[in-house]
Amino acid sequence: MVLRVADPLGFAEGTWRLRVGADGEAVVTRADESEASEVELTVGALSSLLLGGVRSTELAHAGLVRAGADVLVSVDRAFTPEATPLLDIWY
């Protein structure tokens, strides 16, 4: 899939191609800026997906991810961790 990431600091800004193999290994490469993106998201939304505590469908409802419903399913499949993150200490 092709992701367009908006990052005001410029560290992750750009268009990226994400490929996930049958073995679950992911490869990310920079895509051509003129290439149409399937997913548009903020760097904060990408960070939330990487940490695994939220689904892309929830972020889409909040307006932080823009993609078609079928693409969101693929995003969730690519970013959902085996175990949900848990903070097991009390404040």
PDB file of N, CA and C in Angstrom:
ATOM      1  N   MET A   1       0.843  -1.173   0.000  1.00  0.00           N
ATOM      2  CA  MET A   1       0.000   0.000   0.000  1.00  0.00           C
ATOM      3  C   MET A   1       0.889   1.237   0.000  1.00  0.00           C
ATOM      4  N   VAL A   2       0.344   2.341  -0.450  1.00  0.00           N
ATOM      5  CA  VAL A   2       1.081   3.605  -0.499  1.00  0.00           C
ATOM      6  C   VAL A   2       0.472   4.541   0.530  1.00  0.00           C
ATOM      7  N   LEU A   3       1.335   5.034   1.429  1.00  0.00           N
ATOM      8  CA  LEU A   3       0.904   5.926   2.510  1.00  0.00           C
ATOM      9  C   LEU A   3       1.453   7.323   2.282  1.00  0.00           C
ATOM     10  N   ARG A   4       0.635   8.316   2.490  1.00  0.00           N
ATOM     11  CA  ARG A   4       1.074   9.720   2.458  1.00  0.00           C
ATOM     12  C   ARG A   4       1.049  10.210   3.895  1.00  0.00           C
ATOM     13  N   VAL A   5       2.232  10.529   4.440  1.00  0.00           N
ATOM     14  CA  VAL A   5       2.356  10.940   5.838  1.00  0.00           C
ATOM     15  C   VAL A   5       2.607  12.441   5.908  1.00  0.00           C
ATOM     16  N   ALA A   6       1.796  13.124   6.699  1.00  0.00           N
ATOM     17  CA  ALA A   6       1.978  14.558   6.946  1.00  0.00           C
ATOM     18  C   ALA A   6       2.699  14.720   8.282  1.00  0.00           C
ATOM     19  N   ASP A   7       3.857  15.355   8.245  1.00  0.00           N
ATOM     20  CA  ASP A   7       4.672  15.559   9.437  1.00  0.00           C
ATOM     21  C   ASP A   7       5.169  16.998   9.467  1.00  0.00           C
ATOM     22  N   PRO A   8       4.637  17.841  10.363  1.00  0.00           N
ATOM     23  CA  PRO A   8       5.046  19.235  10.392  1.00  0.00           C
ATOM     24  C   PRO A   8       6.539  19.439  10.662  1.00  0.00           C
ATOM     25  N   LEU A   9       7.190  18.472  11.314  1.00  0.00           N
ATOM     26  CA  LEU A   9       8.629  18.589  11.572  1.00  0.00           C
ATOM     27  C   LEU A   9       9.472  18.037  10.423  1.00  0.00           C
ATOM     28  N   GLY A  10       8.829  17.318   9.502  1.00  0.00           N
ATOM     29  CA  GLY A  10       9.514  16.853   8.306  1.00  0.00           C
ATOM     30  C   GLY A  10      10.262  15.532   8.421  1.00  0.00           C
ATOM     31  N   PHE A  11      10.286  14.902   9.571  1.00  0.00           N
ATOM     32  CA  PHE A  11      11.046  13.663   9.737  1.00  0.00           C
ATOM     33  C   PHE A  11      10.434  12.495   8.960  1.00  0.00           C
ATOM     34  N   ALA A  12       9.119  12.365   8.962  1.00  0.00           N
ATOM     35  CA  ALA A  12       8.443  11.248   8.286  1.00  0.00           C
ATOM     36  C   ALA A  12       7.609  11.729   7.106  1.00  0.00           C
ATOM     37  N   GLU A  13       7.679  12.994   6.797  1.00  0.00           N
ATOM     38  CA  GLU A  13       6.897  13.588   5.704  1.00  0.00           C
ATOM     39  C   GLU A  13       7.186  12.885   4.388  1.00  0.00           C
ATOM     40  N   GLY A  14       6.153  12.591   3.655  1.00  0.00           N
ATOM     41  CA  GLY A  14       6.362  12.048   2.325  1.00  0.00           C
ATOM     42  C   GLY A  14       5.397  10.935   1.976  1.00  0.00           C
ATOM     43  N   THR A  15       5.681  10.327   0.842  1.00  0.00           N
ATOM     44  CA  THR A  15       4.884   9.225   0.341  1.00  0.00           C
ATOM     45  C   THR A  15       5.719   7.956   0.439  1.00  0.00           C
ATOM     46  N   TRP A  16       5.147   6.935   1.047  1.00  0.00           N
ATOM     47  CA  TRP A  16       5.886   5.715   1.365  1.00  0.00           C
ATOM     48  C   TRP A  16       5.135   4.488   0.865  1.00  0.00           C
ATOM     49  N   ARG A  17       5.879   3.515   0.364  1.00  0.00           N
ATOM     50  CA  ARG A  17       5.290   2.241  -0.062  1.00  0.00           C
ATOM     51  C   ARG A  17       5.600   1.216   1.021  1.00  0.00           C
ATOM     52  N   LEU A  18       4.550   0.568   1.517  1.00  0.00           N
ATOM     53  CA  LEU A  18       4.661  -0.469   2.538  1.00  0.00           C
ATOM     54  C   LEU A  18       4.307  -1.806   1.902  1.00  0.00           C
ATOM     55  N   ARG A  19       5.224  -2.750   1.995  1.00  0.00           N
ATOM     56  CA  ARG A  19       4.984  -4.109   1.496  1.00  0.00           C
ATOM     57  C   ARG A  19       5.173  -5.068   2.668  1.00  0.00           C
ATOM     58  N   VAL A  20       4.196  -5.928   2.867  1.00  0.00           N
ATOM     59  CA  VAL A  20       4.273  -6.933   3.919  1.00  0.00           C
ATOM     60  C   VAL A  20       4.242  -8.292   3.243  1.00  0.00           C
ATOM     61  N   GLY A  21       5.305  -9.083   3.482  1.00  0.00           N
ATOM     62  CA  GLY A  21       5.413 -10.402   2.874  1.00  0.00           C
ATOM     63  C   GLY A  21       4.556 -11.429   3.593  1.00  0.00           C
ATOM     64  N   ALA A  22       4.457 -12.598   3.001  1.00  0.00           N
ATOM     65  CA  ALA A  22       3.678 -13.696   3.578  1.00  0.00           C
ATOM     66  C   ALA A  22       4.216 -14.099   4.945  1.00  0.00           C
ATOM     67  N   ASP A  23       5.522 -13.856   5.173  1.00  0.00           N
ATOM     68  CA  ASP A  23       6.133 -14.192   6.456  1.00  0.00           C
ATOM     69  C   ASP A  23       5.917 -13.105   7.510  1.00  0.00           C
ATOM     70  N   GLY A  24       5.242 -12.015   7.120  1.00  0.00           N
ATOM     71  CA  GLY A  24       4.958 -10.932   8.050  1.00  0.00           C
ATOM     72  C   GLY A  24       6.029  -9.857   8.099  1.00  0.00           C
ATOM     73  N   GLU A  25       7.107 -10.036   7.356  1.00  0.00           N
ATOM     74  CA  GLU A  25       8.177  -9.036   7.335  1.00  0.00           C
ATOM     75  C   GLU A  25       7.769  -7.859   6.462  1.00  0.00           C
ATOM     76  N   ALA A  26       7.959  -6.658   6.981  1.00  0.00           N
ATOM     77  CA  ALA A  26       7.571  -5.445   6.267  1.00  0.00           C
ATOM     78  C   ALA A  26       8.798  -4.741   5.697  1.00  0.00           C
ATOM     79  N   VAL A  27       8.608  -4.157   4.523  1.00  0.00           N
ATOM     80  CA  VAL A  27       9.641  -3.359   3.876  1.00  0.00           C
ATOM     81  C   VAL A  27       9.005  -2.026   3.504  1.00  0.00           C
ATOM     82  N   VAL A  28       9.655  -0.937   3.894  1.00  0.00           N
ATOM     83  CA  VAL A  28       9.151   0.398   3.586  1.00  0.00           C
ATOM     84  C   VAL A  28      10.174   1.107   2.709  1.00  0.00           C
ATOM     85  N   THR A  29       9.704   1.661   1.584  1.00  0.00           N
ATOM     86  CA  THR A  29      10.560   2.429   0.697  1.00  0.00           C
ATOM     87  C   THR A  29       9.855   3.729   0.339  1.00  0.00           C
ATOM     88  N   ARG A  30      10.645   4.722  -0.009  1.00  0.00           N
ATOM     89  CA  ARG A  30      10.057   5.992  -0.423  1.00  0.00           C
ATOM     90  C   ARG A  30       9.414   5.813  -1.792  1.00  0.00           C
ATOM     91  N   ALA A  31       8.190   6.281  -1.931  1.00  0.00           N
ATOM     92  CA  ALA A  31       7.475   6.214  -3.204  1.00  0.00           C
ATOM     93  C   ALA A  31       7.623   7.552  -3.921  1.00  0.00           C
ATOM     94  N   ASP A  32       7.340   7.547  -5.189  1.00  0.00           N
ATOM     95  CA  ASP A  32       7.355   8.766  -5.980  1.00  0.00           C
ATOM     96  C   ASP A  32       6.248   9.684  -5.465  1.00  0.00           C
ATOM     97  N   GLU A  33       6.567  10.936  -5.229  1.00  0.00           N
ATOM     98  CA  GLU A  33       5.595  11.906  -4.688  1.00  0.00           C
ATOM     99  C   GLU A  33       4.371  12.061  -5.588  1.00  0.00           C
ATOM    100  N   SER A  34       4.514  11.775  -6.876  1.00  0.00           N
ATOM    101  CA  SER A  34       3.379  11.913  -7.789  1.00  0.00           C
ATOM    102  C   SER A  34       2.464  10.689  -7.756  1.00  0.00           C
ATOM    103  N   GLU A  35       2.919   9.628  -7.110  1.00  0.00           N
ATOM    104  CA  GLU A  35       2.120   8.398  -7.030  1.00  0.00           C
ATOM    105  C   GLU A  35       0.913   8.611  -6.118  1.00  0.00           C
ATOM    106  N   ALA A  36      -0.221   8.109  -6.533  1.00  0.00           N
ATOM    107  CA  ALA A  36      -1.453   8.263  -5.745  1.00  0.00           C
ATOM    108  C   ALA A  36      -1.343   7.436  -4.468  1.00  0.00           C
ATOM    109  N   SER A  37      -1.696   8.059  -3.350  1.00  0.00           N
ATOM    110  CA  SER A  37      -1.641   7.341  -2.072  1.00  0.00           C
ATOM    111  C   SER A  37      -2.993   6.701  -1.788  1.00  0.00           C
ATOM    112  N   GLU A  38      -2.933   5.525  -1.153  1.00  0.00           N
ATOM    113  CA  GLU A  38      -4.150   4.825  -0.756  1.00  0.00           C
ATOM    114  C   GLU A  38      -4.586   5.237   0.640  1.00  0.00           C
ATOM    115  N   VAL A  39      -3.615   5.705   1.427  1.00  0.00           N
ATOM    116  CA  VAL A  39      -3.862   6.099   2.813  1.00  0.00           C
ATOM    117  C   VAL A  39      -3.187   7.446   3.057  1.00  0.00           C
ATOM    118  N   GLU A  40      -3.910   8.373   3.680  1.00  0.00           N
ATOM    119  CA  GLU A  40      -3.327   9.651   4.096  1.00  0.00           C
ATOM    120  C   GLU A  40      -3.503   9.752   5.595  1.00  0.00           C
ATOM    121  N   LEU A  41      -2.395  10.057   6.294  1.00  0.00           N
ATOM    122  CA  LEU A  41      -2.465  10.127   7.746  1.00  0.00           C
ATOM    123  C   LEU A  41      -1.405  11.064   8.289  1.00  0.00           C
ATOM    124  N   THR A  42      -1.604  11.476   9.526  1.00  0.00           N
ATOM    125  CA  THR A  42      -0.633  12.322  10.208  1.00  0.00           C
ATOM    126  C   THR A  42       0.442  11.446  10.833  1.00  0.00           C
ATOM    127  N   VAL A  43       1.576  12.034  11.133  1.00  0.00           N
ATOM    128  CA  VAL A  43       2.647  11.285  11.779  1.00  0.00           C
ATOM    129  C   VAL A  43       2.201  10.809  13.162  1.00  0.00           C
ATOM    130  N   GLY A  44       1.347  11.564  13.829  1.00  0.00           N
ATOM    131  CA  GLY A  44       0.814  11.136  15.125  1.00  0.00           C
ATOM    132  C   GLY A  44      -0.058   9.897  14.989  1.00  0.00           C
ATOM    133  N   ALA A  45      -0.868   9.847  13.939  1.00  0.00           N
ATOM    134  CA  ALA A  45      -1.705   8.668  13.695  1.00  0.00           C
ATOM    135  C   ALA A  45      -0.829   7.466  13.359  1.00  0.00           C
ATOM    136  N   LEU A  46       0.212   7.674  12.558  1.00  0.00           N
ATOM    137  CA  LEU A  46       1.143   6.597  12.234  1.00  0.00           C
ATOM    138  C   LEU A  46       1.817   6.075  13.504  1.00  0.00           C
ATOM    139  N   SER A  47       2.195   6.975  14.384  1.00  0.00           N
ATOM    140  CA  SER A  47       2.810   6.575  15.655  1.00  0.00           C
ATOM    141  C   SER A  47       1.852   5.730  16.485  1.00  0.00           C
ATOM    142  N   SER A  48       0.596   6.120  16.519  1.00  0.00           N
ATOM    143  CA  SER A  48      -0.406   5.344  17.255  1.00  0.00           C
ATOM    144  C   SER A  48      -0.565   3.948  16.669  1.00  0.00           C
ATOM    145  N   LEU A  49      -0.545   3.852  15.342  1.00  0.00           N
ATOM    146  CA  LEU A  49      -0.639   2.536  14.703  1.00  0.00           C
ATOM    147  C   LEU A  49       0.581   1.681  15.028  1.00  0.00           C
ATOM    148  N   LEU A  50       1.765   2.299  15.005  1.00  0.00           N
ATOM    149  CA  LEU A  50       2.989   1.552  15.291  1.00  0.00           C
ATOM    150  C   LEU A  50       3.027   1.044  16.728  1.00  0.00           C
ATOM    151  N   LEU A  51       2.486   1.820  17.656  1.00  0.00           N
ATOM    152  CA  LEU A  51       2.459   1.391  19.056  1.00  0.00           C
ATOM    153  C   LEU A  51       1.403   0.320  19.295  1.00  0.00           C
ATOM    154  N   GLY A  52       0.417   0.239  18.416  1.00  0.00           N
ATOM    155  CA  GLY A  52      -0.533  -0.851  18.455  1.00  0.00           C
ATOM    156  C   GLY A  52      -1.711  -0.701  19.384  1.00  0.00           C
ATOM    157  N   GLY A  53      -1.941   0.464  19.929  1.00  0.00           N
ATOM    158  CA  GLY A  53      -3.040   0.620  20.868  1.00  0.00           C
ATOM    159  C   GLY A  53      -4.352   1.062  20.259  1.00  0.00           C
ATOM    160  N   VAL A  54      -4.367   1.303  18.939  1.00  0.00           N
ATOM    161  CA  VAL A  54      -5.568   1.829  18.291  1.00  0.00           C
ATOM    162  C   VAL A  54      -5.621   1.302  16.854  1.00  0.00           C
ATOM    163  N   ARG A  55      -6.801   1.166  16.325  1.00  0.00           N
ATOM    164  CA  ARG A  55      -6.999   0.682  14.956  1.00  0.00           C
ATOM    165  C   ARG A  55      -7.151   1.868  13.992  1.00  0.00           C
ATOM    166  N   SER A  56      -6.825   1.627  12.740  1.00  0.00           N
ATOM    167  CA  SER A  56      -6.941   2.695  11.736  1.00  0.00           C
ATOM    168  C   SER A  56      -8.394   3.120  11.548  1.00  0.00           C
ATOM    169  N   THR A  57      -9.325   2.187  11.739  1.00  0.00           N
ATOM    170  CA  THR A  57     -10.736   2.539  11.603  1.00  0.00           C
ATOM    171  C   THR A  57     -11.143   3.562  12.673  1.00  0.00           C
ATOM    172  N   GLU A  58     -10.618   3.413  13.875  1.00  0.00           N
ATOM    173  CA  GLU A  58     -10.904   4.385  14.932  1.00  0.00           C
ATOM    174  C   GLU A  58     -10.275   5.735  14.611  1.00  0.00           C
ATOM    175  N   LEU A  59      -9.050   5.718  14.096  1.00  0.00           N
ATOM    176  CA  LEU A  59      -8.383   6.963  13.722  1.00  0.00           C
ATOM    177  C   LEU A  59      -9.097   7.632  12.547  1.00  0.00           C
ATOM    178  N   ALA A  60      -9.663   6.842  11.648  1.00  0.00           N
ATOM    179  CA  ALA A  60     -10.415   7.405  10.528  1.00  0.00           C
ATOM    180  C   ALA A  60     -11.667   8.117  11.024  1.00  0.00           C
ATOM    181  N   HIS A  61     -12.335   7.534  12.020  1.00  0.00           N
ATOM    182  CA  HIS A  61     -13.519   8.186  12.595  1.00  0.00           C
ATOM    183  C   HIS A  61     -13.155   9.511  13.254  1.00  0.00           C
ATOM    184  N   ALA A  62     -11.928   9.615  13.755  1.00  0.00           N
ATOM    185  CA  ALA A  62     -11.457  10.855  14.374  1.00  0.00           C
ATOM    186  C   ALA A  62     -10.916  11.847  13.346  1.00  0.00           C
ATOM    187  N   GLY A  63     -10.870  11.442  12.067  1.00  0.00           N
ATOM    188  CA  GLY A  63     -10.397  12.337  11.018  1.00  0.00           C
ATOM    189  C   GLY A  63      -8.885  12.383  10.873  1.00  0.00           C
ATOM    190  N   LEU A  64      -8.173  11.424  11.477  1.00  0.00           N
ATOM    191  CA  LEU A  64      -6.712  11.422  11.432  1.00  0.00           C
ATOM    192  C   LEU A  64      -6.147  10.519  10.345  1.00  0.00           C
ATOM    193  N   VAL A  65      -6.988   9.645   9.787  1.00  0.00           N
ATOM    194  CA  VAL A  65      -6.596   8.760   8.693  1.00  0.00           C
ATOM    195  C   VAL A  65      -7.686   8.854   7.625  1.00  0.00           C
ATOM    196  N   ARG A  66      -7.251   8.996   6.360  1.00  0.00           N
ATOM    197  CA  ARG A  66      -8.199   9.019   5.250  1.00  0.00           C
ATOM    198  C   ARG A  66      -7.862   7.874   4.305  1.00  0.00           C
ATOM    199  N   ALA A  67      -8.835   6.986   4.148  1.00  0.00           N
ATOM    200  CA  ALA A  67      -8.687   5.841   3.234  1.00  0.00           C
ATOM    201  C   ALA A  67     -10.038   5.190   3.067  1.00  0.00           C
ATOM    202  N   GLY A  68     -10.162   4.381   2.036  1.00  0.00           N
ATOM    203  CA  GLY A  68     -11.385   3.626   1.835  1.00  0.00           C
ATOM    204  C   GLY A  68     -11.520   2.533   2.883  1.00  0.00           C
ATOM    205  N   ALA A  69     -12.748   2.085   3.099  1.00  0.00           N
ATOM    206  CA  ALA A  69     -13.015   1.076   4.133  1.00  0.00           C
ATOM    207  C   ALA A  69     -12.230  -0.208   3.889  1.00  0.00           C
ATOM    208  N   ASP A  70     -12.117  -0.635   2.638  1.00  0.00           N
ATOM    209  CA  ASP A  70     -11.374  -1.861   2.344  1.00  0.00           C
ATOM    210  C   ASP A  70      -9.881  -1.690   2.614  1.00  0.00           C
ATOM    211  N   VAL A  71      -9.360  -0.493   2.375  1.00  0.00           N
ATOM    212  CA  VAL A  71      -7.945  -0.214   2.640  1.00  0.00           C
ATOM    213  C   VAL A  71      -7.696  -0.180   4.146  1.00  0.00           C
ATOM    214  N   LEU A  72      -8.636   0.367   4.914  1.00  0.00           N
ATOM    215  CA  LEU A  72      -8.473   0.413   6.370  1.00  0.00           C
ATOM    216  C   LEU A  72      -8.339  -0.991   6.954  1.00  0.00           C
ATOM    217  N   VAL A  73      -9.043  -1.947   6.376  1.00  0.00           N
ATOM    218  CA  VAL A  73      -8.915  -3.336   6.831  1.00  0.00           C
ATOM    219  C   VAL A  73      -7.483  -3.826   6.609  1.00  0.00           C
ATOM    220  N   SER A  74      -6.906  -3.494   5.465  1.00  0.00           N
ATOM    221  CA  SER A  74      -5.520  -3.872   5.176  1.00  0.00           C
ATOM    222  C   SER A  74      -4.541  -3.182   6.113  1.00  0.00           C
ATOM    223  N   VAL A  75      -4.806  -1.914   6.418  1.00  0.00           N
ATOM    224  CA  VAL A  75      -3.949  -1.177   7.356  1.00  0.00           C
ATOM    225  C   VAL A  75      -4.000  -1.835   8.726  1.00  0.00           C
ATOM    226  N   ASP A  76      -5.199  -2.165   9.179  1.00  0.00           N
ATOM    227  CA  ASP A  76      -5.333  -2.827  10.482  1.00  0.00           C
ATOM    228  C   ASP A  76      -4.586  -4.159  10.489  1.00  0.00           C
ATOM    229  N   ARG A  77      -4.689  -4.916   9.420  1.00  0.00           N
ATOM    230  CA  ARG A  77      -3.995  -6.206   9.333  1.00  0.00           C
ATOM    231  C   ARG A  77      -2.476  -6.014   9.398  1.00  0.00           C
ATOM    232  N   ALA A  78      -1.979  -4.965   8.749  1.00  0.00           N
ATOM    233  CA  ALA A  78      -0.540  -4.723   8.703  1.00  0.00           C
ATOM    234  C   ALA A  78       0.013  -4.218  10.029  1.00  0.00           C
ATOM    235  N   PHE A  79      -0.772  -3.461  10.780  1.00  0.00           N
ATOM    236  CA  PHE A  79      -0.251  -2.813  11.977  1.00  0.00           C
ATOM    237  C   PHE A  79      -0.710  -3.430  13.299  1.00  0.00           C
ATOM    238  N   THR A  80      -1.660  -4.354  13.283  1.00  0.00           N
ATOM    239  CA  THR A  80      -2.155  -4.913  14.537  1.00  0.00           C
ATOM    240  C   THR A  80      -1.117  -5.846  15.147  1.00  0.00           C
ATOM    241  N   PRO A  81      -0.705  -5.565  16.396  1.00  0.00           N
ATOM    242  CA  PRO A  81       0.300  -6.417  17.040  1.00  0.00           C
ATOM    243  C   PRO A  81      -0.317  -7.719  17.543  1.00  0.00           C
ATOM    244  N   GLU A  82       0.531  -8.706  17.797  1.00  0.00           N
ATOM    245  CA  GLU A  82       0.042  -9.972  18.346  1.00  0.00           C
ATOM    246  C   GLU A  82      -0.559  -9.766  19.732  1.00  0.00           C
ATOM    247  N   ALA A  83       0.061  -8.882  20.509  1.00  0.00           N
ATOM    248  CA  ALA A  83      -0.438  -8.584  21.860  1.00  0.00           C
ATOM    249  C   ALA A  83      -0.680  -7.087  21.969  1.00  0.00           C
ATOM    250  N   THR A  84      -1.820  -6.723  22.548  1.00  0.00           N
ATOM    251  CA  THR A  84      -2.141  -5.316  22.743  1.00  0.00           C
ATOM    252  C   THR A  84      -1.230  -4.733  23.814  1.00  0.00           C
ATOM    253  N   PRO A  85      -0.718  -3.510  23.609  1.00  0.00           N
ATOM    254  CA  PRO A  85       0.159  -2.908  24.619  1.00  0.00           C
ATOM    255  C   PRO A  85      -0.597  -2.736  25.936  1.00  0.00           C
ATOM    256  N   LEU A  86       0.129  -2.881  27.021  1.00  0.00           N
ATOM    257  CA  LEU A  86      -0.476  -2.787  28.333  1.00  0.00           C
ATOM    258  C   LEU A  86       0.496  -2.111  29.277  1.00  0.00           C
ATOM    259  N   LEU A  87       0.028  -1.095  29.955  1.00  0.00           N
ATOM    260  CA  LEU A  87       0.797  -0.464  31.019  1.00  0.00           C
ATOM    261  C   LEU A  87       0.285  -1.067  32.319  1.00  0.00           C
ATOM    262  N   ASP A  88       1.104  -1.886  32.949  1.00  0.00           N
ATOM    263  CA  ASP A  88       0.623  -2.643  34.096  1.00  0.00           C
ATOM    264  C   ASP A  88       1.035  -2.053  35.451  1.00  0.00           C
ATOM    265  N   ILE A  89       1.266  -0.748  35.468  1.00  0.00           N
ATOM    266  CA  ILE A  89       1.533  -0.097  36.752  1.00  0.00           C
ATOM    267  C   ILE A  89       0.434   0.912  37.015  1.00  0.00           C
ATOM    268  N   TRP A  90       0.169   1.169  38.256  1.00  0.00           N
ATOM    269  CA  TRP A  90      -0.873   2.133  38.637  1.00  0.00           C
ATOM    270  C   TRP A  90      -0.229   3.437  39.051  1.00  0.00           C
ATOM    271  N   TYR A  91      -0.885   4.524  38.713  1.00  0.00           N
ATOM    272  CA  TYR A  91      -0.405   5.843  39.128  1.00  0.00           C
ATOM    273  C   TYR A  91      -1.118   6.273  40.369  1.00  0.00           C
TER     274      TYR A  91
END
